[in-house]
Protein backbone atom coordinates (compact mmCIF):
# COMPACT_ATOMS: atom_id res chain seq x y z
CA MET A 1 0.05 0.15 0.02
CA CYS A 2 2.77 2.42 0.70
CA ARG A 3 4.68 1.69 -2.37
CA LYS A 4 1.35 2.22 -4.30
CA LEU A 5 1.08 5.63 -2.66
CA PHE A 6 4.54 6.93 -3.09
CA PHE A 7 4.39 5.79 -6.83
CA LEU A 8 1.21 8.18 -7.03
CA LEU A 9 2.82 11.09 -5.12
CA ALA A 10 5.77 10.44 -7.39
CA LEU A 11 3.61 10.79 -10.69
CA LEU A 12 1.91 13.60 -9.44
CA VAL A 13 5.08 15.49 -8.95
CA VAL A 14 6.00 14.56 -12.59
CA VAL A 15 2.86 15.52 -14.13
CA CYS A 16 2.91 19.14 -11.95
CA MET A 17 6.43 19.63 -13.20
CA VAL A 18 5.30 18.94 -16.90
CA MET A 19 2.44 21.46 -16.19
CA ASN A 20 4.89 24.06 -15.17
CA VAL A 21 7.10 23.62 -18.08
CA ALA A 22 3.92 23.93 -20.07
CA ILE A 23 2.90 27.34 -18.79
CA ALA A 24 6.17 28.70 -18.63
CA GLU A 25 6.68 28.07 -22.29
CA SER A 26 3.74 29.77 -23.59
CA TRP A 27 4.52 32.78 -25.77
CA THR A 28 2.77 35.87 -27.39
CA CYS A 29 3.25 36.01 -30.97
CA PRO A 30 5.24 39.20 -32.07
CA GLU A 31 3.09 39.14 -35.52
CA CYS A 32 -0.55 39.06 -34.50
CA GLY A 33 -0.41 38.67 -30.79
CA THR A 34 -2.06 35.37 -30.29
CA LEU A 35 -1.27 33.36 -26.61
CA ASN A 36 0.60 30.03 -27.87
CA ASP A 37 1.98 27.03 -26.43
CA GLY A 38 3.58 25.13 -29.22
CA ASN A 39 6.82 25.90 -31.54
CA PHE A 40 4.55 27.89 -34.10
CA CYS A 41 1.73 30.49 -33.85
CA SER A 42 -1.47 28.85 -34.36
CA ASN A 43 -3.03 31.80 -35.83
CA CYS A 44 -0.58 33.19 -38.54
CA GLY A 45 2.40 30.45 -38.39
CA THR A 46 5.30 32.54 -37.15
CA LYS A 47 7.74 30.55 -35.09
CA LYS A 48 8.48 30.80 -31.49
CA PRO A 49 11.12 33.31 -30.73
CA ASP A 50 13.88 32.72 -28.43
CA PRO A 51 13.81 34.64 -25.31
CA ASP A 52 16.01 37.50 -26.65
CA GLY A 53 13.70 38.11 -29.22
CA THR A 54 15.51 36.28 -32.19
CA ASP A 55 13.75 33.81 -34.54
CA THR A 56 14.85 30.22 -33.22
CA SER A 57 14.47 29.12 -37.05
CA THR A 58 18.01 28.69 -38.74
CA SER A 59 18.30 31.97 -40.56
CA THR A 60 21.07 33.03 -42.97
CA ILE A 61 20.36 36.86 -41.53
CA THR A 62 22.70 37.43 -38.24
CA ASN A 63 24.69 40.22 -36.53
CA VAL A 64 21.62 42.35 -36.71
CA THR A 65 22.39 45.89 -35.07
CA PHE A 66 20.48 48.81 -34.18
CA SER A 67 22.47 52.43 -34.36
CA PRO A 68 20.89 55.64 -33.10
CA GLN A 69 21.91 58.50 -35.58
CA SER A 70 22.84 61.90 -34.67
CA ASN A 71 19.05 63.05 -36.34
CA GLY A 72 17.15 60.55 -34.48
CA GLY A 73 16.77 57.96 -37.20
CA ILE A 74 17.65 53.92 -36.49
CA LEU A 75 20.17 52.30 -38.52
CA VAL A 76 19.48 48.86 -39.05
CA ALA A 77 22.28 46.69 -40.37
CA TRP A 78 22.79 43.27 -40.63
CA ASP A 79 24.71 40.03 -42.06
CA ASP A 80 23.42 37.59 -44.51
CA SER A 81 25.26 34.46 -45.48
CA SER A 82 23.32 33.60 -48.57
CA SER A 83 23.21 35.40 -51.99
CA ALA A 84 19.97 37.31 -51.28
CA SER A 85 19.69 40.79 -53.45
CA SER A 86 16.78 41.96 -51.46
CA TYR A 87 15.15 42.37 -48.09
CA THR A 88 11.81 43.21 -46.53
CA VAL A 89 11.97 45.14 -43.13
CA ALA A 90 8.89 45.46 -40.94
CA TYR A 91 8.00 46.56 -37.70
CA SER A 92 5.30 46.03 -35.07
CA THR A 93 4.37 46.79 -31.57
CA GLU A 94 1.87 45.02 -29.21
CA TYR A 95 -0.48 46.84 -30.88
CA TRP A 96 -0.16 47.58 -34.60
CA ASN A 97 1.86 46.63 -37.53
CA SER A 98 4.22 48.99 -39.87
CA THR A 99 5.89 47.46 -43.14
CA TYR A 100 8.81 50.13 -44.21
CA GLY A 101 7.95 51.60 -47.46
CA SER A 102 9.47 48.70 -49.81
CA ASP A 103 9.49 44.92 -50.02
CA SER A 104 13.02 45.19 -52.32
CA ILE A 105 15.39 47.01 -50.13
CA SER A 106 18.93 46.30 -51.84
CA GLY A 107 21.81 46.13 -49.62
CA LYS A 108 22.08 44.80 -45.92
CA ARG A 109 21.07 47.96 -44.04
CA VAL A 110 18.25 50.70 -43.74
CA LEU A 111 17.70 53.76 -42.05
CA LEU A 112 14.18 53.94 -40.24
CA ASP A 113 13.20 57.16 -39.61
CA TYR A 114 9.62 56.92 -38.26
CA LEU A 115 10.07 54.89 -35.08
CA ILE A 116 9.09 56.58 -31.99
CA PRO A 117 11.53 57.39 -28.95
CA GLY A 118 10.68 54.94 -25.74
CA VAL A 119 8.81 52.70 -28.00
CA THR A 120 9.65 48.63 -28.09
CA TYR A 121 9.51 47.40 -31.11
CA TYR A 122 9.50 43.78 -33.15
CA VAL A 123 11.57 44.39 -36.14
CA TYR A 124 11.38 41.77 -38.85
CA ILE A 125 14.20 41.14 -41.55
CA SER A 126 13.36 38.63 -44.36
CA ASN A 127 15.25 37.85 -47.72
CA GLY A 128 12.10 35.75 -48.83
CA VAL A 129 13.74 32.67 -48.09
CA SER A 130 14.63 32.76 -44.28
CA ASP A 131 13.97 35.87 -41.90
CA THR A 132 14.64 36.89 -38.25
CA THR A 133 12.70 38.95 -35.42
CA LEU A 134 14.47 41.04 -32.65
CA THR A 135 13.01 43.64 -30.40
CA TYR A 136 14.49 46.94 -29.97
CA THR A 137 13.64 49.68 -27.63
CA VAL A 138 14.05 53.41 -29.37
CA PRO A 139 16.39 55.26 -26.73
CA LYS A 140 14.56 58.54 -25.54
CA PRO A 141 17.08 61.50 -24.84
CA ILE A 142 15.56 64.63 -23.49
CA TYR A 143 16.36 67.95 -25.33
CA THR A 144 19.02 69.91 -23.54
CA GLU A 145 20.66 72.03 -26.15
CA TYR A 146 18.88 75.27 -25.51
CA SER A 147 17.30 75.53 -22.25
CA THR A 148 15.41 78.40 -20.91
CA GLY A 149 13.05 76.72 -18.78
CA GLY A 150 10.23 77.93 -21.18
CA LYS A 151 6.94 76.31 -22.83
CA TYR A 152 8.04 75.12 -26.27
CA LEU A 153 4.86 73.26 -27.34
CA LYS A 154 1.03 74.47 -26.59
CA LEU A 155 -2.03 73.60 -28.34
CA THR A 156 -4.87 75.97 -29.43
CA MET A 157 -7.51 73.83 -27.94
CA VAL A 158 -7.13 71.28 -25.08
CA LYS A 159 -10.54 70.05 -24.66
CA PHE A 160 -12.33 68.08 -27.38
CA SER A 161 -15.61 66.22 -27.74
CA LEU A 162 -15.71 62.99 -29.78
CA SER A 163 -19.48 63.38 -30.52
CA GLU A 164 -18.94 67.35 -31.68
CA MET A 165 -15.84 66.19 -33.91
CA GLU A 166 -18.04 63.24 -35.68
CA LYS A 167 -20.45 65.94 -36.65
CA LYS A 168 -17.75 68.30 -37.96
CA PRO A 169 -14.80 66.24 -38.69
CA THR A 170 -12.84 69.11 -40.54
CA MET A 171 -12.84 70.99 -37.60
CA THR A 172 -9.46 72.16 -36.93
CA PHE A 173 -6.50 72.87 -34.40
CA GLU A 174 -3.00 74.28 -34.30
CA VAL A 175 -0.22 72.98 -32.65
CA GLN A 176 2.40 75.42 -31.85
CA VAL A 177 6.08 74.91 -31.67
CA SER A 178 8.31 77.77 -30.03
CA TRP A 179 11.82 78.28 -29.60
CA PRO A 180 13.82 80.93 -27.60
CA ARG A 181 16.43 83.23 -29.28
CA LEU A 182 19.68 81.33 -30.64
CA LYS A 183 23.19 82.21 -31.19
CA ASN A 184 23.09 80.53 -34.43
CA SER A 185 20.33 78.90 -36.42
CA ARG A 186 19.94 74.64 -36.22
CA GLU A 187 18.22 72.69 -38.47
CA TYR A 188 16.85 69.35 -37.18
CA ALA A 189 15.12 66.28 -38.24
CA ALA A 190 11.66 66.39 -35.98
CA LYS A 191 8.60 64.09 -35.21
CA LEU A 192 5.24 64.73 -33.76
CA VAL A 193 3.75 61.86 -32.45
CA LEU A 194 0.31 61.25 -29.96
CA ASN A 195 0.33 59.14 -26.86
CA THR A 196 -3.02 58.03 -26.40
CA PRO A 197 -4.81 56.19 -23.29
CA TYR A 198 -4.15 52.89 -25.06
CA GLY A 199 -0.35 54.19 -25.56
CA TYR A 200 1.25 55.49 -28.69
CA ALA A 201 -0.61 55.60 -32.20
CA SER A 202 1.48 54.40 -35.21
CA ARG A 203 0.98 57.75 -36.75
CA VAL A 204 4.19 59.94 -36.92
CA VAL A 205 4.46 63.31 -38.81
CA TYR A 206 8.03 63.40 -39.92
CA TYR A 207 9.74 66.67 -40.92
CA ASP A 208 13.15 66.40 -42.90
CA VAL A 209 14.13 69.57 -42.05
CA PHE A 210 12.77 71.35 -39.12
CA THR A 211 14.67 74.98 -38.71
CA PHE A 212 15.11 77.11 -35.30
CA GLU A 213 15.85 80.48 -36.32
CA ASN A 214 18.63 82.70 -34.10
CA LYS A 215 15.44 84.62 -32.78
CA TYR A 216 12.18 83.71 -30.76
CA GLU A 217 9.90 82.35 -33.14
CA TYR A 218 6.70 80.08 -33.51
CA THR A 219 5.54 77.29 -36.07
CA TYR A 220 1.99 76.91 -36.37
CA ILE A 221 0.93 73.16 -37.42
CA THR A 222 -2.63 72.92 -38.36
CA PHE A 223 -4.41 69.50 -37.79
CA SER A 224 -7.96 67.85 -38.17
CA LEU A 225 -7.77 65.78 -34.45
CA MET A 226 -10.56 63.42 -36.45
CA ASN A 227 -9.03 63.02 -39.77
CA ASP A 228 -5.41 63.31 -39.02
CA TRP A 229 -5.39 61.27 -35.65
CA LEU A 230 -8.05 59.77 -34.34
CA VAL A 231 -9.13 57.73 -37.65
CA GLN A 232 -5.61 56.15 -37.15
CA VAL A 233 -6.22 55.68 -33.05
CA GLU A 234 -9.31 53.59 -34.10
CA GLU A 235 -7.31 51.41 -36.84
CA ASP A 236 -4.38 50.93 -34.31
CA PHE A 237 -6.81 50.15 -31.56
CA GLY A 238 -9.99 49.24 -32.34
CA SER A 239 -11.74 52.12 -30.91
CA ILE A 240 -11.06 55.68 -29.77
CA PRO A 241 -11.11 56.09 -25.82
CA THR A 242 -11.90 59.28 -23.95
CA GLY A 243 -9.23 60.43 -21.58
CA GLU A 244 -5.79 62.43 -21.54
CA TYR A 245 -4.11 62.36 -24.98
CA THR A 246 -0.29 63.93 -25.38
CA PHE A 247 1.20 65.28 -28.15
CA GLU A 248 5.19 64.71 -28.12
CA ILE A 249 7.71 66.60 -30.49
CA TYR A 250 11.37 65.44 -31.09
CA MET A 251 14.27 67.17 -32.24
CA ASP A 252 16.73 64.87 -33.83
CA GLY A 253 15.39 62.18 -31.47
CA GLN A 254 15.26 64.52 -28.18
CA LEU A 255 12.06 65.16 -26.58
CA TYR A 256 11.74 68.86 -27.00
CA ASP A 257 8.20 69.05 -25.14
CA TYR A 258 4.96 67.76 -24.82
CA ALA A 259 1.19 69.15 -24.47
CA SER A 260 -1.99 67.54 -23.47
CA PHE A 261 -5.55 67.51 -24.20
CA LYS A 262 -8.39 65.57 -22.79
CA LEU A 263 -11.27 64.06 -25.10
CA SER A 264 -14.99 63.41 -23.59
CA ASN A 265 -17.90 61.74 -25.28
């Protein structure tokens, strides 16, 4: 009787260990967000990533590096032992996907200008035969080059009604960017992004050249909140939440300033 009891207890321990391993090995697909237990996504077929975010399949694409550039862009470079002549590079977050311009990138490097500082991305690189996926968090340095303690970004409206905008979808407001008097003019690459109650929206307004003149001045940027931003928010997250939203503007990848508004029903 004692031997049978011991055997049953031992069997129970083994079962519990197997269950714990199975639970520990569950993973979220970086491509579609499905929770899985096997080695391939049950929804889209993506192979299970390693703990460091790389693809567990044997890929010819190796030594992927991410290098922040002086203008805030991220240079992605890699090696490939195959004779591939073109590549696809795509990136996604937990909530939305975005494909970089072309699916025929020549060479083994690409500059990504539209990544949002502070956001963690899944970056996917493919040569059409093999691929790899890695995670990368974009640096978010704070702008300190010309600090005067003033407010540099503000909105002409700080309260919006969703029902009112649905009636008047072309209703506009201004994002006003100001800067102090400088000794010299200075050109930046700028990004304007929107942080929602659900997280950052995928839309990024990018300026190749954003010039600060050597005098105190403003730039006025006019947007329709519904058409220019909230339609994208709904596409990204499936709905438009009420609450606080924040515009952030970056100069060469540095957080210059931010301004918030509230959206109600």
